[in-house]
C-alpha atoms as a PDB file:
ATOM      1  CA  MET A   1     -19.262  -5.606  23.151  1.00  0.00           C
ATOM      2  CA  GLN A   2     -22.536  -4.422  21.699  1.00  0.00           C
ATOM      3  CA  SER A   3     -23.181  -2.696  18.400  1.00  0.00           C
ATOM      4  CA  ARG A   4     -24.597   0.811  18.496  1.00  0.00           C
ATOM      5  CA  MET A   5     -27.165   0.011  15.825  1.00  0.00           C
ATOM      6  CA  GLN A   6     -27.600  -2.246  12.829  1.00  0.00           C
ATOM      7  CA  ASN A   7     -25.332  -1.521   9.917  1.00  0.00           C
ATOM      8  CA  PRO A   8     -26.779   1.548   8.140  1.00  0.00           C
ATOM      9  CA  ALA A   9     -26.789  -0.338   4.838  1.00  0.00           C
ATOM     10  CA  ILE A  10     -29.162  -2.859   6.420  1.00  0.00           C
ATOM     11  CA  ILE A  11     -31.430  -0.151   7.794  1.00  0.00           C
ATOM     12  CA  LEU A  12     -31.608   1.489   4.368  1.00  0.00           C
ATOM     13  CA  PRO A  13     -32.170  -1.490   2.040  1.00  0.00           C
ATOM     14  CA  ASP A  14     -31.685   0.592  -1.106  1.00  0.00           C
ATOM     15  CA  ALA A  15     -28.156   1.327   0.093  1.00  0.00           C
ATOM     16  CA  MET A  16     -27.351  -2.356   0.545  1.00  0.00           C
ATOM     17  CA  GLN A  17     -28.771  -3.175  -2.874  1.00  0.00           C
ATOM     18  CA  SER A  18     -26.568  -0.513  -4.463  1.00  0.00           C
ATOM     19  CA  ILE A  19     -23.493  -1.767  -2.608  1.00  0.00           C
ATOM     20  CA  GLN A  20     -24.213  -5.321  -3.714  1.00  0.00           C
ATOM     21  CA  GLU A  21     -24.455  -4.103  -7.311  1.00  0.00           C
ATOM     22  CA  LEU A  22     -21.013  -2.527  -6.915  1.00  0.00           C
ATOM     23  CA  PHE A  23     -19.652  -5.838  -5.628  1.00  0.00           C
ATOM     24  CA  LYS A  24     -21.138  -7.590  -8.666  1.00  0.00           C
ATOM     25  CA  ALA A  25     -19.423  -5.108 -10.962  1.00  0.00           C
ATOM     26  CA  VAL A  26     -16.131  -5.557  -9.105  1.00  0.00           C
ATOM     27  CA  HIS A  27     -16.273  -9.330  -9.472  1.00  0.00           C
ATOM     28  CA  ALA A  28     -17.046  -8.961 -13.177  1.00  0.00           C
ATOM     29  CA  GLY A  29     -13.917  -6.848 -13.702  1.00  0.00           C
ATOM     30  CA  GLY A  30     -11.617  -9.728 -14.588  1.00  0.00           C
ATOM     31  CA  VAL A  31      -9.512  -9.824 -11.415  1.00  0.00           C
ATOM     32  CA  ASP A  32      -8.862 -13.177  -9.779  1.00  0.00           C
ATOM     33  CA  GLY A  33     -11.227 -13.713  -6.842  1.00  0.00           C
ATOM     34  CA  GLN A  34      -8.390 -14.503  -4.453  1.00  0.00           C
ATOM     35  CA  THR A  35      -6.693 -11.210  -5.263  1.00  0.00           C
ATOM     36  CA  LEU A  36      -9.916  -9.289  -4.603  1.00  0.00           C
ATOM     37  CA  GLU A  37     -10.390 -11.085  -1.294  1.00  0.00           C
ATOM     38  CA  LEU A  38      -6.807 -10.354  -0.246  1.00  0.00           C
ATOM     39  CA  VAL A  39      -7.334  -6.674  -1.078  1.00  0.00           C
ATOM     40  CA  HIS A  40     -10.570  -6.637   0.955  1.00  0.00           C
ATOM     41  CA  LEU A  41      -8.892  -8.324   3.906  1.00  0.00           C
ATOM     42  CA  ARG A  42      -5.839  -6.032   3.892  1.00  0.00           C
ATOM     43  CA  VAL A  43      -7.938  -2.864   3.719  1.00  0.00           C
ATOM     44  CA  SER A  44     -10.097  -4.135   6.581  1.00  0.00           C
ATOM     45  CA  GLN A  45      -7.012  -4.937   8.666  1.00  0.00           C
ATOM     46  CA  ILE A  46      -5.654  -1.422   8.139  1.00  0.00           C
ATOM     47  CA  ASN A  47      -8.962   0.106   9.204  1.00  0.00           C
ATOM     48  CA  GLY A  48      -9.325  -2.202  12.200  1.00  0.00           C
ATOM     49  CA  CYS A  49     -12.771  -3.385  11.142  1.00  0.00           C
ATOM     50  CA  SER A  50     -13.212  -6.625  13.075  1.00  0.00           C
ATOM     51  CA  ALA A  51     -16.473  -7.518  11.324  1.00  0.00           C
ATOM     52  CA  CYS A  52     -14.878  -7.192   7.875  1.00  0.00           C
ATOM     53  CA  VAL A  53     -11.644  -8.936   8.883  1.00  0.00           C
ATOM     54  CA  ASP A  54     -13.702 -11.828  10.227  1.00  0.00           C
ATOM     55  CA  ALA A  55     -16.044 -12.005   7.233  1.00  0.00           C
ATOM     56  CA  GLY A  56     -13.217 -11.291   4.787  1.00  0.00           C
ATOM     57  CA  SER A  57     -11.029 -14.111   6.066  1.00  0.00           C
ATOM     58  CA  LYS A  58     -13.942 -16.531   5.745  1.00  0.00           C
ATOM     59  CA  THR A  59     -14.763 -15.333   2.226  1.00  0.00           C
ATOM     60  CA  ALA A  60     -11.098 -15.497   1.223  1.00  0.00           C
ATOM     61  CA  ARG A  61     -10.859 -19.058   2.500  1.00  0.00           C
ATOM     62  CA  LYS A  62     -13.940 -19.974   0.424  1.00  0.00           C
ATOM     63  CA  ALA A  63     -12.234 -18.392  -2.595  1.00  0.00           C
ATOM     64  CA  GLY A  64      -9.302 -20.741  -2.068  1.00  0.00           C
ATOM     65  CA  VAL A  65      -6.855 -18.529  -0.158  1.00  0.00           C
ATOM     66  CA  SER A  66      -4.688 -20.791   1.994  1.00  0.00           C
ATOM     67  CA  ASP A  67      -4.440 -20.422   5.759  1.00  0.00           C
ATOM     68  CA  GLU A  68      -0.760 -19.617   5.289  1.00  0.00           C
ATOM     69  CA  ARG A  69      -1.594 -16.624   3.086  1.00  0.00           C
ATOM     70  CA  LEU A  70      -4.470 -15.519   5.320  1.00  0.00           C
ATOM     71  CA  ALA A  71      -2.174 -15.516   8.328  1.00  0.00           C
ATOM     72  CA  THR A  72       0.475 -13.423   6.593  1.00  0.00           C
ATOM     73  CA  VAL A  73      -1.448 -10.926   4.467  1.00  0.00           C
ATOM     74  CA  ALA A  74      -0.681  -8.175   6.996  1.00  0.00           C
ATOM     75  CA  ALA A  75       3.016  -8.884   6.416  1.00  0.00           C
ATOM     76  CA  TRP A  76       2.818  -9.576   2.677  1.00  0.00           C
ATOM     77  CA  ARG A  77       6.038  -7.701   1.927  1.00  0.00           C
ATOM     78  CA  GLU A  78       8.074 -10.045   4.139  1.00  0.00           C
ATOM     79  CA  THR A  79       6.623 -13.359   2.985  1.00  0.00           C
ATOM     80  CA  PRO A  80       7.125 -15.487  -0.128  1.00  0.00           C
ATOM     81  CA  TYR A  81       3.444 -16.445  -0.395  1.00  0.00           C
ATOM     82  CA  PHE A  82       2.152 -13.726  -2.737  1.00  0.00           C
ATOM     83  CA  THR A  83       2.588 -13.258  -6.479  1.00  0.00           C
ATOM     84  CA  GLU A  84       3.968 -10.042  -7.944  1.00  0.00           C
ATOM     85  CA  GLN A  85       0.467  -9.271  -9.212  1.00  0.00           C
ATOM     86  CA  GLU A  86      -1.018  -9.718  -5.727  1.00  0.00           C
ATOM     87  CA  ARG A  87       1.761  -7.591  -4.237  1.00  0.00           C
ATOM     88  CA  ALA A  88       0.942  -4.786  -6.668  1.00  0.00           C
ATOM     89  CA  ALA A  89      -2.748  -4.976  -5.738  1.00  0.00           C
ATOM     90  CA  LEU A  90      -1.948  -5.007  -2.019  1.00  0.00           C
ATOM     91  CA  ALA A  91       0.379  -2.014  -2.349  1.00  0.00           C
ATOM     92  CA  LEU A  92      -2.359  -0.118  -4.189  1.00  0.00           C
ATOM     93  CA  ALA A  93      -4.880  -1.135  -1.525  1.00  0.00           C
ATOM     94  CA  GLU A  94      -2.661   0.141   1.261  1.00  0.00           C
ATOM     95  CA  ALA A  95      -1.887   3.446  -0.456  1.00  0.00           C
ATOM     96  CA  ALA A  96      -5.514   4.118  -1.425  1.00  0.00           C
ATOM     97  CA  THR A  97      -6.675   3.330   2.108  1.00  0.00           C
ATOM     98  CA  ARG A  98      -4.056   5.444   3.874  1.00  0.00           C
ATOM     99  CA  LEU A  99      -4.692   8.584   1.842  1.00  0.00           C
ATOM    100  CA  ALA A 100      -3.750  11.040   4.591  1.00  0.00           C
ATOM    101  CA  ASP A 101      -0.430   9.377   5.406  1.00  0.00           C
ATOM    102  CA  ARG A 102       1.519  11.137   2.661  1.00  0.00           C
ATOM    103  CA  ALA A 103       1.198  14.106   0.326  1.00  0.00           C
ATOM    104  CA  ASP A 104       1.204  11.925  -2.780  1.00  0.00           C
ATOM    105  CA  ALA A 105      -1.267   9.373  -1.437  1.00  0.00           C
ATOM    106  CA  VAL A 106      -1.038   6.931  -4.328  1.00  0.00           C
ATOM    107  CA  SER A 107       2.363   7.482  -5.845  1.00  0.00           C
ATOM    108  CA  ASP A 108       3.125   6.986  -9.517  1.00  0.00           C
ATOM    109  CA  GLU A 109       5.382   4.114  -8.484  1.00  0.00           C
ATOM    110  CA  VAL A 110       2.534   2.260  -6.752  1.00  0.00           C
ATOM    111  CA  TRP A 111       0.100   3.007  -9.573  1.00  0.00           C
ATOM    112  CA  ASP A 112       2.528   2.107 -12.361  1.00  0.00           C
ATOM    113  CA  ARG A 113       3.424  -1.167 -10.686  1.00  0.00           C
ATOM    114  CA  ALA A 114      -0.265  -2.107 -10.496  1.00  0.00           C
ATOM    115  CA  ALA A 115      -0.783  -0.968 -14.091  1.00  0.00           C
ATOM    116  CA  THR A 116       1.946  -3.329 -15.296  1.00  0.00           C
ATOM    117  CA  HIS A 117      -0.004  -6.267 -13.856  1.00  0.00           C
ATOM    118  CA  PHE A 118      -3.600  -5.261 -14.522  1.00  0.00           C
ATOM    119  CA  GLU A 119      -5.542  -3.893 -17.491  1.00  0.00           C
ATOM    120  CA  GLU A 120      -7.649  -0.762 -17.037  1.00  0.00           C
ATOM    121  CA  LYS A 121     -10.877  -2.706 -16.391  1.00  0.00           C
ATOM    122  CA  GLN A 122      -9.101  -4.777 -13.757  1.00  0.00           C
ATOM    123  CA  LEU A 123      -7.630  -1.668 -12.141  1.00  0.00           C
ATOM    124  CA  ALA A 124     -11.124  -0.208 -12.010  1.00  0.00           C
ATOM    125  CA  ALA A 125     -12.334  -3.349 -10.234  1.00  0.00           C
ATOM    126  CA  ILE A 126      -9.509  -3.195  -7.697  1.00  0.00           C
ATOM    127  CA  VAL A 127     -10.025   0.515  -7.006  1.00  0.00           C
ATOM    128  CA  LEU A 128     -13.763  -0.079  -6.563  1.00  0.00           C
ATOM    129  CA  MET A 129     -13.065  -3.016  -4.207  1.00  0.00           C
ATOM    130  CA  ILE A 130     -10.809  -0.769  -2.142  1.00  0.00           C
ATOM    131  CA  GLY A 131     -13.458   1.954  -2.050  1.00  0.00           C
ATOM    132  CA  VAL A 132     -16.376  -0.336  -1.176  1.00  0.00           C
ATOM    133  CA  THR A 133     -14.318  -2.054   1.508  1.00  0.00           C
ATOM    134  CA  ASN A 134     -13.383   1.307   3.016  1.00  0.00           C
ATOM    135  CA  LEU A 135     -17.085   2.236   2.957  1.00  0.00           C
ATOM    136  CA  PHE A 136     -18.081  -0.932   4.811  1.00  0.00           C
ATOM    137  CA  ASN A 137     -15.180  -0.541   7.254  1.00  0.00           C
ATOM    138  CA  ARG A 138     -16.352   2.947   8.132  1.00  0.00           C
ATOM    139  CA  LEU A 139     -19.983   1.893   8.530  1.00  0.00           C
ATOM    140  CA  ASN A 140     -19.008  -1.078  10.694  1.00  0.00           C
ATOM    141  CA  ALA A 141     -16.429   0.698  12.852  1.00  0.00           C
ATOM    142  CA  THR A 142     -18.687   3.701  13.464  1.00  0.00           C
ATOM    143  CA  THR A 143     -21.617   1.549  14.534  1.00  0.00           C
ATOM    144  CA  ARG A 144     -19.390  -1.047  16.274  1.00  0.00           C
ATOM    145  CA  GLN A 145     -20.550  -4.063  14.328  1.00  0.00           C
ATOM    146  CA  ILE A 146     -19.564  -7.306  16.025  1.00  0.00           C
ATOM    147  CA  ALA A 147     -17.272  -9.807  14.294  1.00  0.00           C
ATOM    148  CA  GLY A 148     -19.248 -12.934  13.403  1.00  0.00           C
ATOM    149  CA  ALA A 149     -22.650 -11.358  14.016  1.00  0.00           C
ATOM    150  CA  TRP A 150     -23.647 -11.441  10.323  1.00  0.00           C
ATOM    151  CA  GLY A 151     -23.562 -15.182  10.116  1.00  0.00           C
END
């Protein structure tokens, strides 16, 4: 497999700088780092972005996510390894990533469940993490970035 081109955010350095600033803001939003990494990984799995799944699993491991949880994040509903707070974040991540799958993309039920576990600033961080991850997934998938090629 060969990539079509470098990631567009690398080619346009101002874009990468802006994305990195968004990541800084996300990580300053008061959400546990493991939860953010699980959200990133789940969104990347849904979108089939091999580069982000690879990088995301490594970053999650560095954040302290166990191998057991990494191996089962795609099946989080059927495993005992995730907290109710993480489950709410993962449900929100899935709904906000699969917008076209249903008329009410992010239902009140999904939103309200997340809102019972996270304050507004934390919800903002999670929604931004979902959005930035979807952005990177689309850049990487379109240009066929190779898993492991970024280091």
